[in-house]
Amino acid sequence: MHRFFVAAQEIGESDITLSPEILKHMQVLRIKPDEKIVLCDGSGTDFICVFADGRANILARVPNQAEPKINCHVYLALSKGERLEWAIQKSVELGAVSITLFPSARSIAKFDDKTVPKKITRFTQIAEEAAKQAGRGILPEIRYLPNFGALAEGIGERDVTLFFYELESQKTLKKALAEAGEPEHIHLIIGPEGGFSEEEATLAQNAGFVSVSLGKRILRCETAPVAALSMLMFWAGEC
């Protein structure tokens, strides 16, 4: 069944109001009256519905089954071209609950204040399409931080923050996870094409981030979050 995200205020007791954007998309998909669709409130509840007269009649409300038990937050340094879009898409597919973008010292790509809102809108659209494709029950938030130093803000005491650093030679992700206990949230910080600078590594250490390695091979910036999230989901028993 085709899947769409709807705003909470559009959900009634017996039916759901469909926005013009959703109706247009349904027309492109050739969805016909009396066809079943799935609408999601973005907070973990799926609504099994029948499309009729421009609305969706609710047949059942069920908890979404695709959300992982573990809360993984991905932080991506800005990268050029389509790499960042690809990393966002795959991170959402693999279960990230939020994605935060930030400029790093070695980032080739740069966002100015005027383009950030437009970029976030574009990336949110990519995240929504990925969430629908993956059957997600929430729509991961896409955020932007102006600098690396702001990363430590909002991270709780029971959270674990993993700083993926290509010069780390002692602690692997496997070892870090074995020492993690039962964190409420896990934060994954991924660097740009040229990796993190020594100054950023020092800031991460001072902030209490755990420096970890993804192995002997140096991965591309768009490959690293895929590898890290896949390992985390395996560790958490999600696959």
C-alpha atoms as a PDB file:
ATOM      1  CA  MET A   1       0.000   0.000   0.000  1.00  0.00           C
ATOM      2  CA  HIS A   2       1.122   3.513  -0.727  1.00  0.00           C
ATOM      3  CA  ARG A   3       2.197   5.537   2.295  1.00  0.00           C
ATOM      4  CA  PHE A   4       1.881   9.250   3.123  1.00  0.00           C
ATOM      5  CA  PHE A   5       2.598  11.488   6.114  1.00  0.00           C
ATOM      6  CA  VAL A   6      -0.204  13.764   7.319  1.00  0.00           C
ATOM      7  CA  ALA A   7      -0.377  16.564   9.888  1.00  0.00           C
ATOM      8  CA  ALA A   8      -2.012  15.741  13.225  1.00  0.00           C
ATOM      9  CA  GLN A   9      -4.691  18.412  12.752  1.00  0.00           C
ATOM     10  CA  GLU A  10      -5.879  16.678   9.578  1.00  0.00           C
ATOM     11  CA  ILE A  11      -6.797  13.501  11.469  1.00  0.00           C
ATOM     12  CA  GLY A  12     -10.424  13.157  12.588  1.00  0.00           C
ATOM     13  CA  GLU A  13     -12.339  10.453  14.424  1.00  0.00           C
ATOM     14  CA  SER A  14     -13.373   8.541  11.318  1.00  0.00           C
ATOM     15  CA  ASP A  15     -11.557  10.156   8.419  1.00  0.00           C
ATOM     16  CA  ILE A  16      -8.474  12.159   7.443  1.00  0.00           C
ATOM     17  CA  THR A  17      -8.362  15.295   5.331  1.00  0.00           C
ATOM     18  CA  LEU A  18      -5.888  14.984   2.472  1.00  0.00           C
ATOM     19  CA  SER A  19      -3.804  18.016   1.499  1.00  0.00           C
ATOM     20  CA  PRO A  20      -3.676  19.206  -2.127  1.00  0.00           C
ATOM     21  CA  GLU A  21      -0.059  17.985  -2.289  1.00  0.00           C
ATOM     22  CA  ILE A  22      -1.035  14.458  -1.238  1.00  0.00           C
ATOM     23  CA  LEU A  23      -4.020  14.404  -3.593  1.00  0.00           C
ATOM     24  CA  LYS A  24      -1.782  15.483  -6.473  1.00  0.00           C
ATOM     25  CA  HIS A  25       0.737  12.781  -5.611  1.00  0.00           C
ATOM     26  CA  MET A  26      -2.041  10.193  -5.410  1.00  0.00           C
ATOM     27  CA  GLN A  27      -3.212  11.256  -8.846  1.00  0.00           C
ATOM     28  CA  VAL A  28       0.291  10.731 -10.231  1.00  0.00           C
ATOM     29  CA  LEU A  29       0.350   7.290  -8.610  1.00  0.00           C
ATOM     30  CA  ARG A  30      -3.076   6.527 -10.143  1.00  0.00           C
ATOM     31  CA  ILE A  31      -4.642   5.682  -6.788  1.00  0.00           C
ATOM     32  CA  LYS A  32      -8.330   4.989  -7.342  1.00  0.00           C
ATOM     33  CA  PRO A  33     -11.375   5.359  -5.070  1.00  0.00           C
ATOM     34  CA  ASP A  34     -11.839   2.461  -2.612  1.00  0.00           C
ATOM     35  CA  GLU A  35      -8.103   1.688  -2.785  1.00  0.00           C
ATOM     36  CA  LYS A  36      -6.388   1.172   0.566  1.00  0.00           C
ATOM     37  CA  ILE A  37      -3.565   3.500   1.620  1.00  0.00           C
ATOM     38  CA  VAL A  38      -1.519   4.034   4.782  1.00  0.00           C
ATOM     39  CA  LEU A  39      -1.391   7.456   6.397  1.00  0.00           C
ATOM     40  CA  CYS A  40       1.034   8.194   9.216  1.00  0.00           C
ATOM     41  CA  ASP A  41       0.832  10.970  11.792  1.00  0.00           C
ATOM     42  CA  GLY A  42       4.640  11.209  12.018  1.00  0.00           C
ATOM     43  CA  SER A  43       4.552  10.194  15.682  1.00  0.00           C
ATOM     44  CA  GLY A  44       4.471   6.439  15.281  1.00  0.00           C
ATOM     45  CA  THR A  45       0.816   5.670  14.480  1.00  0.00           C
ATOM     46  CA  ASP A  46      -0.273   4.255  11.129  1.00  0.00           C
ATOM     47  CA  PHE A  47      -3.813   4.682   9.830  1.00  0.00           C
ATOM     48  CA  ILE A  48      -5.085   2.065   7.411  1.00  0.00           C
ATOM     49  CA  CYS A  49      -7.527   3.942   5.210  1.00  0.00           C
ATOM     50  CA  VAL A  50      -9.707   3.729   2.131  1.00  0.00           C
ATOM     51  CA  PHE A  51      -9.506   6.603  -0.327  1.00  0.00           C
ATOM     52  CA  ALA A  52     -12.899   8.120  -1.149  1.00  0.00           C
ATOM     53  CA  ASP A  53     -14.122  11.503  -2.396  1.00  0.00           C
ATOM     54  CA  GLY A  54     -10.866  13.331  -1.757  1.00  0.00           C
ATOM     55  CA  ARG A  55     -10.652  12.050   1.812  1.00  0.00           C
ATOM     56  CA  ALA A  56      -9.404   8.933   3.563  1.00  0.00           C
ATOM     57  CA  ASN A  57     -11.816   6.885   5.667  1.00  0.00           C
ATOM     58  CA  ILE A  58     -10.061   5.259   8.626  1.00  0.00           C
ATOM     59  CA  LEU A  59     -10.335   1.475   8.859  1.00  0.00           C
ATOM     60  CA  ALA A  60      -7.776   0.884  11.630  1.00  0.00           C
ATOM     61  CA  ARG A  61      -5.185   2.653  13.795  1.00  0.00           C
ATOM     62  CA  VAL A  62      -2.067   0.591  14.487  1.00  0.00           C
ATOM     63  CA  PRO A  63       1.360   1.273  16.002  1.00  0.00           C
ATOM     64  CA  ASN A  64       4.077   1.519  13.386  1.00  0.00           C
ATOM     65  CA  GLN A  65       6.327  -1.547  13.406  1.00  0.00           C
ATOM     66  CA  ALA A  66       9.310  -0.156  11.482  1.00  0.00           C
ATOM     67  CA  GLU A  67      10.757   2.216  14.089  1.00  0.00           C
ATOM     68  CA  PRO A  68      13.921   0.934  15.807  1.00  0.00           C
ATOM     69  CA  LYS A  69      14.060   0.526  19.585  1.00  0.00           C
ATOM     70  CA  ILE A  70      17.221   2.620  19.679  1.00  0.00           C
ATOM     71  CA  ASN A  71      17.312   6.389  19.127  1.00  0.00           C
ATOM     72  CA  CYS A  72      20.143   7.205  16.725  1.00  0.00           C
ATOM     73  CA  HIS A  73      20.928  10.818  15.878  1.00  0.00           C
ATOM     74  CA  VAL A  74      23.221  11.427  12.904  1.00  0.00           C
ATOM     75  CA  TYR A  75      25.418  14.523  12.551  1.00  0.00           C
ATOM     76  CA  LEU A  76      26.778  15.035   9.035  1.00  0.00           C
ATOM     77  CA  ALA A  77      29.524  17.478   8.113  1.00  0.00           C
ATOM     78  CA  LEU A  78      28.684  19.368   4.947  1.00  0.00           C
ATOM     79  CA  SER A  79      29.893  17.641   1.784  1.00  0.00           C
ATOM     80  CA  LYS A  80      29.744  18.611  -1.868  1.00  0.00           C
ATOM     81  CA  GLY A  81      27.475  17.501  -4.686  1.00  0.00           C
ATOM     82  CA  GLU A  82      24.955  14.745  -4.147  1.00  0.00           C
ATOM     83  CA  ARG A  83      26.922  13.079  -1.353  1.00  0.00           C
ATOM     84  CA  LEU A  84      25.043  14.877   1.405  1.00  0.00           C
ATOM     85  CA  GLU A  85      21.628  14.116  -0.096  1.00  0.00           C
ATOM     86  CA  TRP A  86      22.573  10.460  -0.472  1.00  0.00           C
ATOM     87  CA  ALA A  87      23.797  10.280   3.133  1.00  0.00           C
ATOM     88  CA  ILE A  88      20.565  11.847   4.397  1.00  0.00           C
ATOM     89  CA  GLN A  89      18.428   9.464   2.361  1.00  0.00           C
ATOM     90  CA  LYS A  90      20.235   6.335   3.529  1.00  0.00           C
ATOM     91  CA  SER A  91      20.428   7.480   7.146  1.00  0.00           C
ATOM     92  CA  VAL A  92      16.643   7.858   7.206  1.00  0.00           C
ATOM     93  CA  GLU A  93      16.131   4.468   5.562  1.00  0.00           C
ATOM     94  CA  LEU A  94      18.368   2.857   8.184  1.00  0.00           C
ATOM     95  CA  GLY A  95      16.505   4.346  11.153  1.00  0.00           C
ATOM     96  CA  ALA A  96      18.020   7.705  12.162  1.00  0.00           C
ATOM     97  CA  VAL A  97      15.539   9.719  14.244  1.00  0.00           C
ATOM     98  CA  SER A  98      17.188  13.057  13.448  1.00  0.00           C
ATOM     99  CA  ILE A  99      19.882  14.391  11.144  1.00  0.00           C
ATOM    100  CA  THR A 100      21.924  17.479  11.953  1.00  0.00           C
ATOM    101  CA  LEU A 101      24.130  19.172   9.373  1.00  0.00           C
ATOM    102  CA  PHE A 102      27.128  21.294  10.279  1.00  0.00           C
ATOM    103  CA  PRO A 103      30.148  22.930   8.605  1.00  0.00           C
ATOM    104  CA  SER A 104      33.477  21.335   9.454  1.00  0.00           C
ATOM    105  CA  ALA A 105      36.944  22.845   9.115  1.00  0.00           C
ATOM    106  CA  ARG A 106      37.645  20.723   6.030  1.00  0.00           C
ATOM    107  CA  SER A 107      34.185  20.900   4.471  1.00  0.00           C
ATOM    108  CA  ILE A 108      34.378  21.895   0.834  1.00  0.00           C
ATOM    109  CA  ALA A 109      30.678  22.777   0.704  1.00  0.00           C
ATOM    110  CA  LYS A 110      29.506  25.902   2.504  1.00  0.00           C
ATOM    111  CA  PHE A 111      26.004  27.175   3.311  1.00  0.00           C
ATOM    112  CA  ASP A 112      25.316  30.860   3.789  1.00  0.00           C
ATOM    113  CA  ASP A 113      22.510  32.180   5.983  1.00  0.00           C
ATOM    114  CA  LYS A 114      20.286  32.945   3.004  1.00  0.00           C
ATOM    115  CA  THR A 115      20.418  29.451   1.518  1.00  0.00           C
ATOM    116  CA  VAL A 116      20.034  27.414   4.736  1.00  0.00           C
ATOM    117  CA  PRO A 117      16.177  27.507   4.839  1.00  0.00           C
ATOM    118  CA  LYS A 118      15.953  26.450   1.193  1.00  0.00           C
ATOM    119  CA  LYS A 119      18.486  23.665   1.763  1.00  0.00           C
ATOM    120  CA  ILE A 120      16.630  22.390   4.830  1.00  0.00           C
ATOM    121  CA  THR A 121      13.362  22.322   2.875  1.00  0.00           C
ATOM    122  CA  ARG A 122      15.026  20.287   0.126  1.00  0.00           C
ATOM    123  CA  PHE A 123      16.641  17.872   2.577  1.00  0.00           C
ATOM    124  CA  THR A 124      13.363  17.464   4.495  1.00  0.00           C
ATOM    125  CA  GLN A 125      11.664  16.421   1.256  1.00  0.00           C
ATOM    126  CA  ILE A 126      14.385  13.836   0.679  1.00  0.00           C
ATOM    127  CA  ALA A 127      13.958  12.575   4.246  1.00  0.00           C
ATOM    128  CA  GLU A 128      10.186  12.310   3.858  1.00  0.00           C
ATOM    129  CA  GLU A 129      10.447  10.284   0.652  1.00  0.00           C
ATOM    130  CA  ALA A 130      13.005   7.997   2.274  1.00  0.00           C
ATOM    131  CA  ALA A 131      10.807   7.590   5.365  1.00  0.00           C
ATOM    132  CA  LYS A 132       7.805   6.645   3.227  1.00  0.00           C
ATOM    133  CA  GLN A 133       9.852   4.175   1.197  1.00  0.00           C
ATOM    134  CA  ALA A 134      11.213   2.543   4.357  1.00  0.00           C
ATOM    135  CA  GLY A 135       7.826   2.367   6.085  1.00  0.00           C
ATOM    136  CA  ARG A 136       8.953   4.633   8.911  1.00  0.00           C
ATOM    137  CA  GLY A 137       6.539   5.805  11.586  1.00  0.00           C
ATOM    138  CA  ILE A 138       8.194   9.164  12.189  1.00  0.00           C
ATOM    139  CA  LEU A 139       9.562  11.846   9.936  1.00  0.00           C
ATOM    140  CA  PRO A 140      13.149  12.513  11.085  1.00  0.00           C
ATOM    141  CA  GLU A 141      13.920  16.168  11.729  1.00  0.00           C
ATOM    142  CA  ILE A 142      16.600  17.838   9.612  1.00  0.00           C
ATOM    143  CA  ARG A 143      18.520  20.565  11.445  1.00  0.00           C
ATOM    144  CA  TYR A 144      21.490  22.817  10.800  1.00  0.00           C
ATOM    145  CA  LEU A 145      24.135  24.008  13.254  1.00  0.00           C
ATOM    146  CA  PRO A 146      26.395  26.950  12.367  1.00  0.00           C
ATOM    147  CA  ASN A 147      29.628  25.420  13.699  1.00  0.00           C
ATOM    148  CA  PHE A 148      31.245  22.316  15.131  1.00  0.00           C
ATOM    149  CA  GLY A 149      31.368  23.757  18.637  1.00  0.00           C
ATOM    150  CA  ALA A 150      27.563  23.745  18.880  1.00  0.00           C
ATOM    151  CA  LEU A 151      27.374  19.951  18.623  1.00  0.00           C
ATOM    152  CA  ALA A 152      27.586  19.324  22.367  1.00  0.00           C
ATOM    153  CA  GLU A 153      24.481  21.398  23.110  1.00  0.00           C
ATOM    154  CA  GLY A 154      21.354  19.365  23.829  1.00  0.00           C
ATOM    155  CA  ILE A 155      23.133  16.051  24.408  1.00  0.00           C
ATOM    156  CA  GLY A 156      21.928  14.450  27.634  1.00  0.00           C
ATOM    157  CA  GLU A 157      23.954  12.877  30.429  1.00  0.00           C
ATOM    158  CA  ARG A 158      22.702   9.374  29.597  1.00  0.00           C
ATOM    159  CA  ASP A 159      23.473   9.768  25.910  1.00  0.00           C
ATOM    160  CA  VAL A 160      26.502   8.335  24.124  1.00  0.00           C
ATOM    161  CA  THR A 161      28.199  10.435  21.455  1.00  0.00           C
ATOM    162  CA  LEU A 162      30.454   8.619  18.985  1.00  0.00           C
ATOM    163  CA  PHE A 163      33.003  10.730  17.126  1.00  0.00           C
ATOM    164  CA  PHE A 164      34.151   8.844  14.023  1.00  0.00           C
ATOM    165  CA  TYR A 165      37.777   9.769  13.543  1.00  0.00           C
ATOM    166  CA  GLU A 166      40.069   8.228  10.921  1.00  0.00           C
ATOM    167  CA  LEU A 167      43.122   8.676  13.151  1.00  0.00           C
ATOM    168  CA  GLU A 168      41.589   6.699  16.016  1.00  0.00           C
ATOM    169  CA  SER A 169      43.584   3.468  16.341  1.00  0.00           C
ATOM    170  CA  GLN A 170      42.563   2.065  19.727  1.00  0.00           C
ATOM    171  CA  LYS A 171      38.790   2.008  20.043  1.00  0.00           C
ATOM    172  CA  THR A 172      36.565   0.342  17.467  1.00  0.00           C
ATOM    173  CA  LEU A 173      32.833   0.867  17.189  1.00  0.00           C
ATOM    174  CA  LYS A 174      32.311  -2.666  18.504  1.00  0.00           C
ATOM    175  CA  LYS A 175      34.322  -1.909  21.625  1.00  0.00           C
ATOM    176  CA  ALA A 176      32.617   1.446  22.160  1.00  0.00           C
ATOM    177  CA  LEU A 177      29.185  -0.145  21.950  1.00  0.00           C
ATOM    178  CA  ALA A 178      30.203  -2.876  24.395  1.00  0.00           C
ATOM    179  CA  GLU A 179      31.029  -0.107  26.881  1.00  0.00           C
ATOM    180  CA  ALA A 180      27.936   1.974  26.132  1.00  0.00           C
ATOM    181  CA  GLY A 181      25.549   0.266  28.559  1.00  0.00           C
ATOM    182  CA  GLU A 182      21.952   1.260  27.845  1.00  0.00           C
ATOM    183  CA  PRO A 183      22.019   4.852  26.573  1.00  0.00           C
ATOM    184  CA  GLU A 184      18.803   6.771  25.951  1.00  0.00           C
ATOM    185  CA  HIS A 185      20.207   8.161  22.724  1.00  0.00           C
ATOM    186  CA  ILE A 186      23.250   7.515  20.558  1.00  0.00           C
ATOM    187  CA  HIS A 187      24.749  10.376  18.555  1.00  0.00           C
ATOM    188  CA  LEU A 188      26.931   9.648  15.517  1.00  0.00           C
ATOM    189  CA  ILE A 189      29.244  12.418  14.305  1.00  0.00           C
ATOM    190  CA  ILE A 190      30.505  11.971  10.743  1.00  0.00           C
ATOM    191  CA  GLY A 191      33.192  14.161   9.166  1.00  0.00           C
ATOM    192  CA  PRO A 192      33.592  15.675   5.671  1.00  0.00           C
ATOM    193  CA  GLU A 193      35.609  14.499   2.661  1.00  0.00           C
ATOM    194  CA  GLY A 194      38.944  15.428   4.232  1.00  0.00           C
ATOM    195  CA  GLY A 195      38.114  14.160   7.698  1.00  0.00           C
ATOM    196  CA  PHE A 196      38.136  16.098  10.962  1.00  0.00           C
ATOM    197  CA  SER A 197      40.930  18.477  11.873  1.00  0.00           C
ATOM    198  CA  GLU A 198      43.100  17.983  14.956  1.00  0.00           C
ATOM    199  CA  GLU A 199      41.431  21.006  16.537  1.00  0.00           C
ATOM    200  CA  GLU A 200      38.005  19.426  16.082  1.00  0.00           C
ATOM    201  CA  ALA A 201      39.271  16.149  17.526  1.00  0.00           C
ATOM    202  CA  THR A 202      40.467  18.053  20.595  1.00  0.00           C
ATOM    203  CA  LEU A 203      37.107  19.815  20.943  1.00  0.00           C
ATOM    204  CA  ALA A 204      35.341  16.461  20.684  1.00  0.00           C
ATOM    205  CA  GLN A 205      37.547  14.961  23.388  1.00  0.00           C
ATOM    206  CA  ASN A 206      36.967  17.937  25.693  1.00  0.00           C
ATOM    207  CA  ALA A 207      33.210  17.606  25.150  1.00  0.00           C
ATOM    208  CA  GLY A 208      33.298  13.970  26.276  1.00  0.00           C
ATOM    209  CA  PHE A 209      32.676  12.439  22.870  1.00  0.00           C
ATOM    210  CA  VAL A 210      33.948   8.890  22.351  1.00  0.00           C
ATOM    211  CA  SER A 211      36.476   8.728  19.517  1.00  0.00           C
ATOM    212  CA  VAL A 212      35.939   5.553  17.483  1.00  0.00           C
ATOM    213  CA  SER A 213      37.141   3.865  14.318  1.00  0.00           C
ATOM    214  CA  LEU A 214      35.043   2.154  11.645  1.00  0.00           C
ATOM    215  CA  GLY A 215      37.903  -0.146  10.761  1.00  0.00           C
ATOM    216  CA  LYS A 216      41.197  -0.168   8.885  1.00  0.00           C
ATOM    217  CA  ARG A 217      39.734   1.231   5.700  1.00  0.00           C
ATOM    218  CA  ILE A 218      38.964   4.934   5.325  1.00  0.00           C
ATOM    219  CA  LEU A 219      35.369   5.310   4.153  1.00  0.00           C
ATOM    220  CA  ARG A 220      33.859   8.080   2.078  1.00  0.00           C
ATOM    221  CA  CYS A 221      31.854  10.631   4.030  1.00  0.00           C
ATOM    222  CA  GLU A 222      28.594   9.317   2.538  1.00  0.00           C
ATOM    223  CA  THR A 223      29.497   5.678   3.245  1.00  0.00           C
ATOM    224  CA  ALA A 224      30.424   6.180   6.907  1.00  0.00           C
ATOM    225  CA  PRO A 225      26.888   6.842   8.243  1.00  0.00           C
ATOM    226  CA  VAL A 226      25.544   3.842   6.346  1.00  0.00           C
ATOM    227  CA  ALA A 227      28.226   1.586   7.832  1.00  0.00           C
ATOM    228  CA  ALA A 228      27.821   3.013  11.343  1.00  0.00           C
ATOM    229  CA  LEU A 229      24.022   2.811  11.384  1.00  0.00           C
ATOM    230  CA  SER A 230      24.041  -0.718   9.957  1.00  0.00           C
ATOM    231  CA  MET A 231      26.401  -1.855  12.718  1.00  0.00           C
ATOM    232  CA  LEU A 232      24.317  -0.090  15.371  1.00  0.00           C
ATOM    233  CA  MET A 233      21.089  -1.697  14.206  1.00  0.00           C
ATOM    234  CA  PHE A 234      22.746  -5.110  14.245  1.00  0.00           C
ATOM    235  CA  TRP A 235      24.069  -4.425  17.777  1.00  0.00           C
ATOM    236  CA  ALA A 236      20.582  -3.375  18.909  1.00  0.00           C
ATOM    237  CA  GLY A 237      18.979  -6.521  17.491  1.00  0.00           C
ATOM    238  CA  GLU A 238      17.113  -4.680  14.733  1.00  0.00           C
ATOM    239  CA  CYS A 239      18.233  -7.029  11.966  1.00  0.00           C
END
